[in-house]
Amino acid sequence: MVVCLSYAPDPLPLKIPLLSSTSKLRFGSQEALFLLRKCRNFDQLKLIHAKIIRHSLSDDQVLVRKLLDLCSSYGKMDYALLLFRQIRCPQTFTWNFMIRALTINGSSQQALLLYNLMICKGFPPDKFTFPFVIKACITSLAMEKGKEVHGLAIKTGFSRDMFVQNTLMDLYFKCGDVNSGRRVFEKMRIRSVVSWTTMISGLAACGNLDAARVAFEQMETRNVVSWTAMINVYARNNRPQEAFELFQRMQLDNVRPNEFTLVGLLQACTELGSPKLGGWIHDFALKNGFELGVYLGTALIDMYSKCGSLEDARKVFDKMKIKNLATWNSMITSLGVHGHGEEALALFTQMEKANVQPDAITFVGVLCACVNTNNVIEGYRYFQYMREHYGITPILEHYTCMIELYNCANMEDEPCKVLKTMPEKLNENTTFLRLYTIPEKLNGFTAAALLNPSIDESVAGIDKIFHLLTKE
């Protein structure tokens, strides 16, 4: 008997799902923006840019501006310029963005060239173009170009914009043209606190302190920025008592100081050479909830060390959670010039371990430390290390330290060799430096004295200020 096995297949489905490109995830502008917001480094940026190109999104100027913004934040302006050149018809906003980014990244000359190209190609500037271009003129001190930009702002009707006027004032004052700066201010129909503050700071920077004070007193409304600007004017021009008098008035007006107000007052304390006043500002900061940020902390270190209280300076340094290059420099230099050479060199080692890149000022402190420890070998090693490892060109203070090191070690031929290696731009100072080649003419005048000049302290003046601050 034969058994017949039969097979009946299942019925076919009515619809067979088809795989197509439409089922893939879409990559559009929103997806690209999402990736750019998550971008963490330049390598990631290049990968995202490649994907943007593959999906034909290169003409989306919102995306391009985000790419340019990231390039600017990473300091990759060559790549940013390459991106910009590939835009077929940049909008004015994009031109403005690129001009600003170049200026911020230290390429103000390129920013001005880009502005010239924008005008030559017929792209219309707007009210944002002019402040960005004027700031490029300020950075490069190109006053004639600034005047040309000012003229175009008048022709296009943007010269009455307050932001444009404030930036123009800043340009003229920083280039030393007080009359032009005043004229811009006088023609302003509406003046903000920023306008007044720019006027005050500009007049002071040009040496017109009394005119700056008159402008300050004419202000109807003053905020913490304007008070701080005037306080800093007096602090920087060796008029500390007036700085503290203004600070008292500021408190009576119930205007809370900010970190920069206290930094200015600490500078005034340094001018007076008074750790007593500086300590009062320090206590005031702590009692009023100020944190030891990089600016306030560094100013305290500088004040304490220059007023001879190195222990207090080190306490502030150790308490600071965040330190920038200026903070490290201030502490290393203070230790170096006050005879704590070994401690200064140990701190420099810590600085390198913290991945903070030193600069010329750092090595002034390091070499001063070597002078104070009479360590010629270490001094020469650091001098060479500075040039070969970090590519830092020696400045006058470096040569001064090296010459003093050789003199202290009675290496009579070495100072002359150092002088011969100095660049021509320092030649006007070689007469002064040659004093160091004759040991008997030193009279104890060390490199430390160059960096830490003595301060003629007026005790009566300090007591008067302290009474002013502490009276009910």
Protein backbone atom coordinates (compact mmCIF):
# COMPACT_ATOMS: atom_id res chain seq x y z
CA MET A 1 0.00 0.00 0.00
CA VAL A 2 1.43 3.31 -1.02
CA VAL A 3 0.92 6.18 1.29
CA CYS A 4 0.48 9.46 -0.56
CA LEU A 5 1.74 12.45 1.33
CA SER A 6 0.35 15.74 0.15
CA TYR A 7 1.53 19.30 0.99
CA ALA A 8 -0.78 22.26 0.97
CA PRO A 9 1.16 25.53 1.39
CA ASP A 10 -0.21 28.39 3.45
CA PRO A 11 -2.03 30.97 1.40
CA LEU A 12 0.13 33.88 0.26
CA PRO A 13 -0.43 37.16 2.10
CA LEU A 14 -2.39 39.71 0.18
CA LYS A 15 0.37 42.38 0.60
CA ILE A 16 4.12 41.84 0.78
CA PRO A 17 5.93 44.66 2.67
CA LEU A 18 8.52 46.23 0.37
CA LEU A 19 11.80 47.64 1.73
CA SER A 20 12.48 51.08 0.35
CA SER A 21 14.60 54.10 1.11
CA THR A 22 11.54 55.84 2.50
CA SER A 23 11.67 53.56 5.55
CA LYS A 24 15.13 54.80 6.50
CA LEU A 25 15.53 57.55 9.07
CA ARG A 26 15.28 60.96 7.47
CA PHE A 27 18.28 63.34 7.90
CA GLY A 28 17.24 66.94 7.48
CA SER A 29 18.09 70.34 8.94
CA GLN A 30 16.59 69.60 12.35
CA GLU A 31 18.53 66.34 12.69
CA ALA A 32 21.74 68.12 11.63
CA LEU A 33 21.17 70.89 14.19
CA PHE A 34 20.59 68.27 16.87
CA LEU A 35 23.95 66.64 16.08
CA LEU A 36 25.72 70.01 16.03
CA ARG A 37 24.33 70.87 19.47
CA LYS A 38 25.76 67.58 20.76
CA CYS A 39 29.14 68.19 19.08
CA ARG A 40 32.03 68.12 21.57
CA ASN A 41 35.18 68.57 19.47
CA PHE A 42 36.53 69.53 16.06
CA ASP A 43 36.81 65.94 14.80
CA GLN A 44 33.10 65.37 15.49
CA LEU A 45 32.31 68.65 13.73
CA LYS A 46 34.07 67.49 10.55
CA LEU A 47 32.10 64.22 10.55
CA ILE A 48 28.79 66.06 10.97
CA HIS A 49 29.80 68.51 8.24
CA ALA A 50 30.52 65.60 5.90
CA LYS A 51 27.04 64.21 6.59
CA ILE A 52 25.50 67.64 5.92
CA ILE A 53 27.26 67.72 2.53
CA ARG A 54 26.11 64.16 1.64
CA HIS A 55 22.49 65.10 2.34
CA SER A 56 22.70 68.30 0.25
CA LEU A 57 22.16 70.64 3.22
CA SER A 58 25.20 72.87 2.58
CA ASP A 59 23.06 75.81 1.45
CA ASP A 60 21.15 75.95 4.75
CA GLN A 61 22.67 79.08 6.28
CA VAL A 62 21.28 78.35 9.73
CA LEU A 63 23.34 75.13 9.70
CA VAL A 64 26.33 76.91 8.22
CA ARG A 65 26.23 79.59 10.94
CA LYS A 66 26.12 76.88 13.60
CA LEU A 67 29.16 75.24 11.96
CA LEU A 68 30.93 78.62 11.88
CA ASP A 69 30.07 79.19 15.54
CA LEU A 70 31.61 75.86 16.53
CA CYS A 71 34.70 76.51 14.40
CA SER A 72 35.11 79.86 16.16
CA SER A 73 34.78 78.26 19.62
CA TYR A 74 37.47 75.70 18.66
CA GLY A 75 39.71 78.43 17.19
CA LYS A 76 39.59 76.78 13.74
CA MET A 77 39.17 79.94 11.67
CA ASP A 78 40.88 78.53 8.55
CA TYR A 79 38.20 75.85 8.37
CA ALA A 80 35.54 78.50 9.07
CA LEU A 81 36.78 80.63 6.16
CA LEU A 82 36.73 77.55 3.91
CA LEU A 83 33.10 76.93 4.91
CA PHE A 84 32.19 80.57 4.36
CA ARG A 85 33.69 80.69 0.85
CA GLN A 86 31.51 77.75 -0.18
CA ILE A 87 28.28 79.65 0.56
CA ARG A 88 26.75 80.73 -2.76
CA CYS A 89 25.03 83.88 -1.53
CA PRO A 90 25.77 84.68 2.14
CA GLN A 91 23.09 86.62 3.96
CA THR A 92 24.09 89.83 5.74
CA PHE A 93 23.66 88.02 9.06
CA THR A 94 26.22 85.42 7.95
CA TRP A 95 28.70 88.11 6.86
CA ASN A 96 28.26 89.79 10.26
CA PHE A 97 28.76 86.51 12.06
CA MET A 98 32.01 85.81 10.22
CA ILE A 99 33.38 89.34 10.78
CA ARG A 100 32.67 89.05 14.50
CA ALA A 101 34.19 85.55 14.76
CA LEU A 102 37.43 86.66 13.07
CA THR A 103 37.75 89.63 15.45
CA ILE A 104 37.13 87.49 18.53
CA ASN A 105 39.80 85.01 17.38
CA GLY A 106 42.48 87.69 16.96
CA SER A 107 42.16 88.17 13.19
CA SER A 108 40.81 91.71 13.08
CA GLN A 109 42.71 92.54 9.88
CA GLN A 110 41.03 89.62 8.12
CA ALA A 111 37.70 90.79 9.52
CA LEU A 112 38.23 94.21 7.91
CA LEU A 113 39.20 92.60 4.60
CA LEU A 114 36.03 90.50 4.74
CA TYR A 115 33.99 93.65 5.37
CA ASN A 116 35.62 95.27 2.31
CA LEU A 117 34.68 92.21 0.24
CA MET A 118 31.10 92.38 1.53
CA ILE A 119 30.73 96.01 0.44
CA CYS A 120 32.48 95.43 -2.93
CA LYS A 121 30.12 92.54 -3.71
CA GLY A 122 27.10 94.71 -2.97
CA PHE A 123 25.82 92.98 0.15
CA PRO A 124 23.93 95.58 2.22
CA PRO A 125 25.23 96.18 5.77
CA ASP A 126 22.75 96.44 8.65
CA LYS A 127 22.88 97.97 12.13
CA PHE A 128 24.77 94.93 13.44
CA THR A 129 27.47 95.08 10.74
CA PHE A 130 28.85 98.43 11.91
CA PRO A 131 29.51 97.60 15.59
CA PHE A 132 31.27 94.36 14.58
CA VAL A 133 33.45 96.15 12.01
CA ILE A 134 34.19 99.04 14.39
CA LYS A 135 35.30 96.53 17.04
CA ALA A 136 37.71 95.08 14.46
CA CYS A 137 39.00 98.64 13.93
CA ILE A 138 39.43 99.05 17.72
CA THR A 139 41.38 95.79 18.02
CA SER A 140 43.73 96.80 15.19
CA LEU A 141 43.71 100.52 16.19
CA ALA A 142 42.66 101.38 12.63
CA MET A 143 41.12 104.80 13.28
CA GLU A 144 41.15 105.93 9.63
CA LYS A 145 39.26 102.79 8.62
CA GLY A 146 36.91 103.45 11.54
CA LYS A 147 36.20 106.94 10.22
CA GLU A 148 35.42 105.46 6.81
CA VAL A 149 33.00 102.98 8.41
CA HIS A 150 31.48 105.86 10.41
CA GLY A 151 30.90 107.72 7.13
CA LEU A 152 29.10 104.75 5.57
CA ALA A 153 26.97 104.38 8.72
CA ILE A 154 25.86 108.00 8.28
CA LYS A 155 25.05 107.44 4.57
CA THR A 156 23.03 104.29 5.26
CA GLY A 157 21.14 105.85 8.19
CA PHE A 158 22.56 103.59 10.91
CA SER A 159 24.74 106.19 12.66
CA ARG A 160 21.93 107.06 15.08
CA ASP A 161 21.73 103.54 16.46
CA MET A 162 22.86 103.66 20.10
CA PHE A 163 24.93 100.48 19.83
CA VAL A 164 26.77 101.90 16.80
CA GLN A 165 27.35 105.23 18.61
CA ASN A 166 28.68 103.56 21.77
CA THR A 167 31.13 101.48 19.70
CA LEU A 168 32.24 104.56 17.74
CA MET A 169 32.95 106.41 20.99
CA ASP A 170 34.99 103.47 22.19
CA LEU A 171 37.00 103.53 18.94
CA TYR A 172 37.81 107.22 19.06
CA PHE A 173 38.78 107.24 22.73
CA LYS A 174 40.96 104.13 22.41
CA CYS A 175 42.70 105.70 19.42
CA GLY A 176 43.28 108.91 21.41
CA ASP A 177 40.84 111.13 19.47
CA VAL A 178 39.04 112.70 22.44
CA ASN A 179 37.28 115.40 20.40
CA SER A 180 35.68 112.90 18.01
CA GLY A 181 34.61 110.73 20.93
CA ARG A 182 33.00 113.72 22.64
CA ARG A 183 31.22 114.76 19.42
CA VAL A 184 29.64 111.33 19.04
CA PHE A 185 28.46 111.50 22.67
CA GLU A 186 27.08 115.03 22.32
CA LYS A 187 25.08 114.11 19.19
CA MET A 188 23.36 111.19 20.90
CA ARG A 189 19.66 111.90 21.39
CA ILE A 190 19.29 109.05 23.90
CA ARG A 191 22.10 107.92 26.18
CA SER A 192 22.13 104.66 28.09
CA VAL A 193 24.23 103.84 31.15
CA VAL A 194 26.60 102.10 28.72
CA SER A 195 26.97 105.38 26.78
CA TRP A 196 27.88 107.32 29.92
CA THR A 197 30.23 104.59 31.13
CA THR A 198 31.99 104.49 27.74
CA MET A 199 32.39 108.27 27.92
CA ILE A 200 33.79 108.15 31.48
CA SER A 201 36.21 105.28 30.78
CA GLY A 202 37.30 106.89 27.50
CA LEU A 203 38.05 110.28 29.04
CA ALA A 204 39.95 108.64 31.89
CA ALA A 205 41.99 106.47 29.51
CA CYS A 206 43.02 109.64 27.67
CA GLY A 207 44.16 111.23 30.93
CA ASN A 208 41.14 113.51 31.51
CA LEU A 209 40.27 112.25 35.00
CA ASP A 210 38.51 115.43 36.13
CA ALA A 211 36.37 115.52 32.97
CA ALA A 212 35.51 111.86 33.58
CA ARG A 213 34.38 112.71 37.12
CA VAL A 214 32.23 115.59 35.82
CA ALA A 215 30.54 113.21 33.36
CA PHE A 216 30.01 110.68 36.15
CA GLU A 217 28.32 113.27 38.38
CA GLN A 218 26.03 114.29 35.49
CA MET A 219 24.59 110.79 35.17
CA GLU A 220 20.94 110.58 36.18
CA THR A 221 21.07 106.82 36.77
CA ARG A 222 24.14 104.87 37.82
CA ASN A 223 24.47 101.10 37.98
CA VAL A 224 27.23 98.91 39.36
CA VAL A 225 29.12 99.10 36.04
CA SER A 226 29.31 102.90 36.05
CA TRP A 227 30.28 103.04 39.76
CA THR A 228 32.95 100.39 39.16
CA ALA A 229 34.29 102.20 36.10
CA MET A 230 34.84 105.41 38.08
CA ILE A 231 36.33 103.58 41.06
CA ASN A 232 38.76 101.79 38.74
CA VAL A 233 39.70 105.11 37.13
CA TYR A 234 40.96 106.39 40.47
CA ALA A 235 42.51 103.06 41.49
CA ARG A 236 44.55 102.85 38.28
CA ASN A 237 45.68 106.47 38.44
CA ASN A 238 47.08 106.40 41.98
CA ARG A 239 44.17 108.26 43.59
CA PRO A 240 43.07 105.57 46.06
CA GLN A 241 41.36 107.84 48.58
CA GLU A 242 38.88 109.04 45.94
CA ALA A 243 38.26 105.42 44.93
CA PHE A 244 37.27 104.53 48.50
CA GLU A 245 35.15 107.68 48.89
CA LEU A 246 33.18 106.64 45.81
CA PHE A 247 32.82 103.14 47.19
CA GLN A 248 31.27 104.57 50.36
CA ARG A 249 28.83 106.65 48.27
CA MET A 250 28.00 103.56 46.24
CA GLN A 251 27.03 101.72 49.42
CA LEU A 252 24.91 104.65 50.60
CA ASP A 253 23.08 104.48 47.24
CA ASN A 254 22.35 100.79 47.95
CA VAL A 255 24.22 99.63 44.83
CA ARG A 256 25.72 96.21 45.48
CA PRO A 257 29.36 95.99 44.28
CA ASN A 258 30.44 93.18 42.01
CA GLU A 259 33.68 91.25 41.80
CA PHE A 260 35.31 93.88 39.57
CA THR A 261 34.48 96.67 42.03
CA LEU A 262 36.43 94.84 44.71
CA VAL A 263 39.29 94.11 42.29
CA GLY A 264 39.60 97.86 41.65
CA LEU A 265 39.64 98.60 45.39
CA LEU A 266 42.30 95.92 45.93
CA GLN A 267 44.40 97.62 43.26
CA ALA A 268 44.04 100.86 45.26
CA CYS A 269 45.20 98.97 48.39
CA THR A 270 48.22 97.74 46.44
CA GLU A 271 49.05 101.33 45.40
CA LEU A 272 48.90 102.33 49.07
CA GLY A 273 50.87 99.28 50.20
CA SER A 274 48.29 98.64 52.90
CA PRO A 275 47.51 95.02 53.85
CA LYS A 276 45.19 96.46 56.53
CA LEU A 277 42.86 97.96 53.92
CA GLY A 278 43.26 94.93 51.69
CA GLY A 279 42.30 92.65 54.56
CA TRP A 280 39.18 94.77 55.14
CA ILE A 281 38.16 94.30 51.48
CA HIS A 282 38.84 90.57 51.82
CA ASP A 283 36.59 90.37 54.91
CA PHE A 284 33.93 92.44 53.14
CA ALA A 285 33.97 90.00 50.22
CA LEU A 286 33.58 86.95 52.48
CA LYS A 287 30.82 88.51 54.60
CA ASN A 288 28.85 89.48 51.48
CA GLY A 289 28.97 86.06 49.84
CA PHE A 290 31.62 86.66 47.19
CA GLU A 291 33.43 83.54 46.05
CA LEU A 292 37.17 83.52 45.39
CA GLY A 293 36.85 83.49 41.61
CA VAL A 294 39.85 83.90 39.34
CA TYR A 295 39.66 87.71 39.21
CA LEU A 296 39.02 88.43 42.88
CA GLY A 297 41.35 85.65 44.05
CA THR A 298 44.21 86.75 41.80
CA ALA A 299 43.77 90.39 42.88
CA LEU A 300 43.96 89.31 46.54
CA ILE A 301 47.12 87.28 45.89
CA ASP A 302 48.68 90.25 44.09
CA MET A 303 47.70 92.69 46.86
CA TYR A 304 48.89 90.53 49.76
CA SER A 305 52.20 89.63 48.12
CA LYS A 306 53.03 93.22 47.09
CA CYS A 307 52.09 94.45 50.56
CA GLY A 308 54.51 91.93 52.11
CA SER A 309 51.99 89.37 53.42
CA LEU A 310 53.06 86.33 51.43
CA GLU A 311 51.49 83.87 53.88
CA ASP A 312 48.03 85.40 53.32
CA ALA A 313 48.62 85.34 49.56
CA ARG A 314 49.37 81.61 49.67
CA LYS A 315 46.26 80.94 51.81
CA VAL A 316 44.10 82.62 49.17
CA PHE A 317 45.82 80.67 46.39
CA ASP A 318 45.26 77.34 48.14
CA LYS A 319 41.56 78.11 48.75
CA MET A 320 40.83 78.96 45.11
CA LYS A 321 38.94 76.17 43.35
CA ILE A 322 39.59 77.53 39.85
CA LYS A 323 42.89 79.12 38.86
CA ASN A 324 43.83 80.66 35.53
CA LEU A 325 47.27 81.49 34.13
CA ALA A 326 47.30 84.91 35.83
CA THR A 327 46.63 83.24 39.21
CA TRP A 328 49.56 80.83 38.86
CA ASN A 329 51.80 83.63 37.55
CA SER A 330 50.97 85.92 40.46
CA MET A 331 51.77 83.25 43.07
CA ILE A 332 54.92 81.93 41.38
CA THR A 333 56.31 85.44 40.79
CA SER A 334 55.45 86.50 44.35
CA LEU A 335 57.29 83.51 45.79
CA GLY A 336 60.19 84.01 43.40
CA VAL A 337 60.82 87.68 44.17
CA HIS A 338 60.32 87.31 47.94
CA GLY A 339 63.07 84.76 48.46
CA HIS A 340 61.00 81.56 48.41
CA GLY A 341 62.75 80.15 45.37
CA GLU A 342 62.35 76.44 46.06
CA GLU A 343 58.64 76.88 46.76
CA ALA A 344 58.21 78.88 43.54
CA LEU A 345 59.88 76.16 41.45
CA ALA A 346 57.79 73.45 43.14
CA LEU A 347 54.64 75.45 42.31
CA PHE A 348 55.76 75.76 38.68
CA THR A 349 56.00 71.96 38.54
CA GLN A 350 52.43 71.73 39.93
CA MET A 351 51.30 74.21 37.29
CA GLU A 352 52.67 72.05 34.48
CA LYS A 353 51.04 68.95 36.00
CA ALA A 354 47.73 70.86 35.97
CA ASN A 355 48.20 71.32 32.18
CA VAL A 356 48.35 75.11 32.43
CA GLN A 357 50.54 76.50 29.64
CA PRO A 358 53.08 79.01 31.04
CA ASP A 359 53.94 82.30 29.36
CA ALA A 360 56.79 84.81 29.54
CA ILE A 361 55.59 86.20 32.88
CA THR A 362 55.63 82.72 34.41
CA PHE A 363 59.30 82.34 33.57
CA VAL A 364 60.12 85.75 35.03
CA GLY A 365 58.96 84.30 38.35
CA VAL A 366 60.82 81.04 37.75
CA LEU A 367 64.09 82.79 36.89
CA CYS A 368 63.71 85.15 39.86
CA ALA A 369 63.39 82.04 42.02
CA CYS A 370 66.68 80.80 40.59
CA VAL A 371 68.28 84.19 41.32
CA ASN A 372 67.13 84.04 44.93
CA THR A 373 68.52 80.52 45.36
CA ASN A 374 71.74 81.39 43.44
CA ASN A 375 71.11 78.36 41.25
CA VAL A 376 72.90 79.14 37.97
CA ILE A 377 72.49 75.63 36.54
CA GLU A 378 68.73 75.56 37.12
CA GLY A 379 68.41 79.13 35.84
CA TYR A 380 70.17 78.29 32.58
CA ARG A 381 68.12 75.09 32.24
CA TYR A 382 64.82 76.96 32.65
CA PHE A 383 65.99 79.72 30.28
CA GLN A 384 66.67 77.12 27.58
CA TYR A 385 63.52 75.12 28.45
CA MET A 386 61.39 78.25 28.06
CA ARG A 387 62.68 78.82 24.52
CA GLU A 388 62.99 75.27 23.25
CA HIS A 389 59.96 73.57 24.86
CA TYR A 390 57.43 76.43 24.89
CA GLY A 391 58.79 78.62 22.10
CA ILE A 392 58.75 81.75 24.31
CA THR A 393 60.96 84.61 23.15
CA PRO A 394 62.97 86.04 26.07
CA ILE A 395 62.06 89.53 27.27
CA LEU A 396 64.15 92.10 29.15
CA GLU A 397 63.34 90.67 32.59
CA HIS A 398 64.59 87.21 31.52
CA TYR A 399 67.92 88.64 30.40
CA THR A 400 68.14 90.69 33.61
CA CYS A 401 67.74 87.55 35.72
CA MET A 402 70.32 85.62 33.70
CA ILE A 403 72.89 88.41 33.94
CA GLU A 404 72.38 88.68 37.69
CA LEU A 405 72.74 84.91 38.08
CA TYR A 406 76.06 84.94 36.24
CA ASN A 407 77.30 87.95 38.23
CA CYS A 408 76.47 86.29 41.55
CA ALA A 409 78.40 83.21 40.41
CA ASN A 410 81.38 85.42 39.33
CA MET A 411 81.08 84.15 35.75
CA GLU A 412 82.43 87.38 34.27
CA ASP A 413 82.31 86.44 30.58
CA GLU A 414 78.74 85.12 30.56
CA PRO A 415 76.86 88.46 30.97
CA CYS A 416 78.52 89.80 27.83
CA LYS A 417 77.49 86.65 25.94
CA VAL A 418 73.90 87.13 27.11
CA LEU A 419 73.92 90.75 25.91
CA LYS A 420 75.12 89.66 22.48
CA THR A 421 72.21 87.24 22.11
CA MET A 422 69.60 89.93 22.82
CA PRO A 423 67.36 90.99 19.92
CA GLU A 424 67.80 94.46 18.43
CA LYS A 425 64.46 95.71 19.77
CA LEU A 426 65.91 95.52 23.30
CA ASN A 427 69.02 97.49 22.36
CA GLU A 428 67.82 100.70 24.04
CA ASN A 429 67.92 98.84 27.34
CA THR A 430 71.41 97.39 26.97
CA THR A 431 73.04 100.41 28.62
CA PHE A 432 70.99 99.70 31.73
CA LEU A 433 71.75 95.99 31.57
CA ARG A 434 75.50 96.57 31.24
CA LEU A 435 75.48 97.78 34.84
CA TYR A 436 74.98 94.13 35.73
CA THR A 437 78.28 93.17 34.08
CA ILE A 438 80.12 95.09 36.82
CA PRO A 439 79.33 93.38 40.16
CA GLU A 440 80.47 96.31 42.35
CA LYS A 441 77.82 98.53 40.70
CA LEU A 442 74.93 96.25 41.67
CA ASN A 443 74.59 97.57 45.23
CA GLY A 444 72.10 94.82 46.03
CA PHE A 445 69.76 95.91 43.23
CA THR A 446 68.23 92.61 42.14
CA ALA A 447 65.76 91.45 39.52
CA ALA A 448 63.24 91.17 42.34
CA ALA A 449 63.46 94.93 42.85
CA LEU A 450 62.61 95.47 39.19
CA LEU A 451 59.40 93.52 39.64
CA ASN A 452 58.42 94.71 43.12
CA PRO A 453 59.15 98.45 43.48
CA SER A 454 58.92 99.93 46.95
CA ILE A 455 55.74 101.82 47.83
CA ASP A 456 55.80 105.02 49.83
CA GLU A 457 53.05 104.30 52.35
CA SER A 458 51.10 107.23 53.76
CA VAL A 459 49.94 106.00 57.19
CA ALA A 460 47.78 109.06 57.81
CA GLY A 461 46.02 108.61 54.47
CA ILE A 462 45.35 104.91 55.12
CA ASP A 463 43.94 105.59 58.57
CA LYS A 464 41.63 108.21 57.07
CA ILE A 465 40.33 105.76 54.46
CA PHE A 466 39.90 103.00 57.05
CA HIS A 467 37.90 105.36 59.27
CA LEU A 468 35.78 106.32 56.26
CA LEU A 469 34.94 102.68 55.53
CA THR A 470 34.27 101.53 59.09
CA LYS A 471 32.33 104.47 60.50
CA GLU A 472 28.64 104.00 61.16
